[in-house]
Amino acid sequence: MSGKVLDFEEYVRNRQDALLRSARRLVPDPIEAQDLLQTALVRTYGRWDGIADKSLADAYLRRVMINTRTEWWRARKLDEVPTEQLPDARVEDSTEQHADRALLMDILGVLAPKQRSVVVLRHWEQMSTEETAEALGMSTGTVKSTLHRALARLRQELENRNLDERALRGRMSGERNASDERKQERCAA
């Protein structure tokens, strides 16, 4: 095998877990995240010799994943049909931590791809504003304003979901009260 192939294989072997976590944060479905990473790796392999500083390979690969995810989003954007009610968050584990994570992943879906990328890189990857700007090819001011709008959108979405949940609980307790009243009327008769 050539040196390029061995060098790239070693890089992927050493970084695959971290790269998969990055992909998983960009797309909510684990299978789609694996597809995203594989596609990004194929695209990166073709340009591996062009990455002079291999310490920047992670940043390059993240950029490829973001661009690929954006391409996929644009391609299927026309197939999506808006609905009045969002689907429930899928919770695979009964622990509170998994429920919170599922909710967060679901809520990230309301963001535009650019906003989601900024939030993921700043808060999950814990990149600085400057590193995020460089990885996404935008100015630091754009990163800051995009992050501000994205976080405001996420807060609003959480508030809306909390209000919807409270209203549902109120309706359910109202239905129980009416049912209890009917039972009491039957017993009194």
Protein backbone atom coordinates (compact mmCIF):
# COMPACT_ATOMS: atom_id res chain seq x y z
CA MET A 1 0.00 0.00 0.00
CA SER A 2 1.12 3.55 -0.64
CA GLY A 3 2.16 5.96 2.08
CA LYS A 4 -0.94 8.08 1.44
CA VAL A 5 -3.28 5.15 2.09
CA LEU A 6 -1.45 4.08 5.26
CA ASP A 7 -1.30 7.65 6.56
CA PHE A 8 -5.02 8.18 5.94
CA GLU A 9 -5.96 4.79 7.46
CA GLU A 10 -3.97 5.57 10.59
CA TYR A 11 -5.64 8.97 10.89
CA VAL A 12 -9.13 7.45 10.56
CA ARG A 13 -8.32 4.68 13.05
CA ASN A 14 -7.12 7.21 15.64
CA ARG A 15 -9.88 9.79 15.13
CA GLN A 16 -12.94 7.74 14.10
CA ASP A 17 -14.74 7.92 17.47
CA ALA A 18 -14.37 11.70 17.77
CA LEU A 19 -15.35 12.19 14.13
CA LEU A 20 -18.43 9.99 14.53
CA ARG A 21 -19.46 12.03 17.58
CA SER A 22 -19.15 15.19 15.49
CA ALA A 23 -21.26 13.65 12.73
CA ARG A 24 -23.84 12.49 15.28
CA ARG A 25 -24.20 16.05 16.51
CA LEU A 26 -24.82 17.31 13.00
CA VAL A 27 -27.55 14.80 12.14
CA PRO A 28 -29.93 13.25 14.66
CA ASP A 29 -30.14 9.75 13.16
CA PRO A 30 -27.18 7.47 14.07
CA ILE A 31 -27.26 5.63 10.73
CA GLU A 32 -27.35 8.92 8.83
CA ALA A 33 -24.42 10.14 10.97
CA GLN A 34 -22.39 7.11 9.90
CA ASP A 35 -23.29 7.77 6.27
CA LEU A 36 -22.31 11.42 6.69
CA LEU A 37 -18.92 10.48 8.15
CA GLN A 38 -18.25 7.87 5.45
CA THR A 39 -19.13 10.35 2.69
CA ALA A 40 -16.90 13.00 4.28
CA LEU A 41 -14.03 10.50 4.61
CA VAL A 42 -14.31 9.54 0.93
CA ARG A 43 -14.28 13.20 -0.09
CA THR A 44 -11.37 13.95 2.25
CA TYR A 45 -9.31 11.00 1.04
CA GLY A 46 -9.27 12.47 -2.45
CA ARG A 47 -7.70 15.64 -1.08
CA TRP A 48 -5.54 14.07 1.67
CA ASP A 49 -2.24 15.06 0.02
CA GLY A 50 -3.47 18.66 -0.21
CA ILE A 51 -3.76 18.95 3.58
CA ALA A 52 -0.22 20.07 4.35
CA ASP A 53 -0.74 20.42 8.10
CA LYS A 54 -2.36 17.16 9.19
CA SER A 55 -3.16 18.70 12.60
CA LEU A 56 -5.89 20.62 10.73
CA ALA A 57 -7.40 17.43 9.29
CA ASP A 58 -10.18 17.36 11.93
CA ALA A 59 -11.23 20.90 11.05
CA TYR A 60 -11.11 20.08 7.34
CA LEU A 61 -13.18 16.94 7.84
CA ARG A 62 -15.75 18.78 9.99
CA ARG A 63 -16.12 21.35 7.24
CA VAL A 64 -16.66 18.57 4.69
CA MET A 65 -19.31 17.01 6.98
CA ILE A 66 -21.08 20.35 7.38
CA ASN A 67 -21.06 20.98 3.63
CA THR A 68 -22.27 17.44 2.92
CA ARG A 69 -25.05 17.67 5.49
CA THR A 70 -26.12 21.00 3.99
CA GLU A 71 -26.20 19.43 0.50
CA TRP A 72 -28.37 16.59 1.82
CA TRP A 73 -30.65 19.04 3.62
CA ARG A 74 -31.14 21.12 0.48
CA ALA A 75 -31.79 18.02 -1.62
CA ARG A 76 -34.54 16.68 0.63
CA LYS A 77 -35.89 20.06 1.68
CA LEU A 78 -38.49 19.85 -1.07
CA ASP A 79 -39.72 16.46 0.19
CA GLU A 80 -40.52 17.73 3.69
CA VAL A 81 -44.08 18.65 4.53
CA PRO A 82 -44.66 21.10 7.39
CA THR A 83 -46.98 19.97 10.16
CA GLU A 84 -48.66 21.86 12.95
CA GLN A 85 -47.39 19.52 15.65
CA LEU A 86 -43.82 18.32 16.07
CA PRO A 87 -43.30 14.60 16.64
CA ASP A 88 -42.47 13.46 20.15
CA ALA A 89 -38.81 13.13 21.00
CA ARG A 90 -37.65 9.53 20.80
CA VAL A 91 -36.19 8.39 24.10
CA GLU A 92 -34.18 5.19 24.02
CA ASP A 93 -33.36 5.06 27.72
CA SER A 94 -35.43 5.89 30.76
CA THR A 95 -32.76 7.99 32.41
CA GLU A 96 -33.21 11.72 32.57
CA GLN A 97 -29.89 12.36 30.85
CA HIS A 98 -30.92 10.40 27.76
CA ALA A 99 -34.29 12.13 27.69
CA ASP A 100 -32.62 15.54 27.85
CA ARG A 101 -30.22 14.56 25.08
CA ALA A 102 -33.05 13.32 22.87
CA LEU A 103 -34.99 16.53 23.45
CA LEU A 104 -31.93 18.61 22.63
CA MET A 105 -31.23 16.67 19.45
CA ASP A 106 -34.88 17.03 18.44
CA ILE A 107 -34.90 20.74 19.18
CA LEU A 108 -31.69 21.31 17.20
CA GLY A 109 -33.72 20.23 14.18
CA VAL A 110 -35.60 23.54 14.21
CA LEU A 111 -32.41 25.43 13.40
CA ALA A 112 -31.21 26.25 9.92
CA PRO A 113 -28.09 24.27 8.91
CA LYS A 114 -25.79 27.28 9.39
CA GLN A 115 -27.16 27.94 12.88
CA ARG A 116 -26.93 24.29 13.83
CA SER A 117 -23.32 24.12 12.65
CA VAL A 118 -22.36 27.14 14.75
CA VAL A 119 -24.09 25.75 17.86
CA VAL A 120 -22.48 22.31 17.44
CA LEU A 121 -18.98 23.66 16.91
CA ARG A 122 -19.16 26.25 19.72
CA HIS A 123 -20.95 24.23 22.39
CA TRP A 124 -20.30 20.55 21.63
CA GLU A 125 -16.91 20.75 20.02
CA GLN A 126 -16.04 23.63 22.39
CA MET A 127 -14.28 25.53 19.66
CA SER A 128 -13.55 29.21 20.20
CA THR A 129 -15.40 31.84 18.22
CA GLU A 130 -12.33 32.31 16.04
CA GLU A 131 -11.91 28.56 15.44
CA THR A 132 -15.59 28.25 14.57
CA ALA A 133 -15.36 31.18 12.17
CA GLU A 134 -12.34 29.64 10.47
CA ALA A 135 -13.93 26.18 10.23
CA LEU A 136 -17.12 27.59 8.70
CA GLY A 137 -15.47 30.24 6.55
CA MET A 138 -17.25 33.20 8.13
CA SER A 139 -16.29 36.21 10.21
CA THR A 140 -16.26 36.10 14.00
CA GLY A 141 -19.06 38.68 14.06
CA THR A 142 -21.21 36.43 11.89
CA VAL A 143 -20.50 33.49 14.21
CA LYS A 144 -21.50 35.57 17.25
CA SER A 145 -24.71 36.90 15.71
CA THR A 146 -25.67 33.50 14.28
CA LEU A 147 -25.04 31.86 17.66
CA HIS A 148 -27.09 34.53 19.42
CA ARG A 149 -30.06 34.05 17.06
CA ALA A 150 -29.76 30.25 17.23
CA LEU A 151 -29.75 30.18 21.04
CA ALA A 152 -32.72 32.57 21.14
CA ARG A 153 -34.57 30.25 18.73
CA LEU A 154 -33.75 27.22 20.88
CA ARG A 155 -34.96 29.00 24.04
CA GLN A 156 -38.21 29.94 22.30
CA GLU A 157 -38.73 26.38 21.10
CA LEU A 158 -38.17 25.04 24.63
CA GLU A 159 -40.66 27.56 26.03
CA ASN A 160 -43.24 26.60 23.40
CA ARG A 161 -42.82 22.92 24.19
CA ASN A 162 -43.13 23.54 27.91
CA LEU A 163 -46.34 25.54 27.35
CA ASP A 164 -47.75 22.79 25.12
CA GLU A 165 -46.89 20.17 27.75
CA ARG A 166 -48.54 22.19 30.53
CA ALA A 167 -51.67 22.73 28.42
CA LEU A 168 -51.86 19.00 27.70
CA ARG A 169 -51.50 18.15 31.39
CA GLY A 170 -54.22 20.71 32.20
CA ARG A 171 -56.59 19.17 29.64
CA MET A 172 -55.85 15.68 30.94
CA SER A 173 -56.53 16.69 34.55
CA GLY A 174 -59.74 18.43 33.41
CA GLU A 175 -60.86 15.22 31.71
CA ARG A 176 -60.09 13.24 34.90
CA ASN A 177 -62.07 15.70 37.01
CA ALA A 178 -65.09 15.40 34.70
CA SER A 179 -64.81 11.61 34.79
CA ASP A 180 -64.61 11.66 38.61
CA GLU A 181 -67.72 13.89 38.78
CA ARG A 182 -69.68 11.46 36.55
CA LYS A 183 -68.67 8.55 38.80
CA GLN A 184 -69.78 10.42 41.90
CA GLU A 185 -73.13 11.23 40.27
CA ARG A 186 -73.67 7.55 39.44
CA CYS A 187 -72.83 6.50 43.00
CA ALA A 188 -75.23 9.08 44.47
CA ALA A 189 -78.10 7.92 42.24
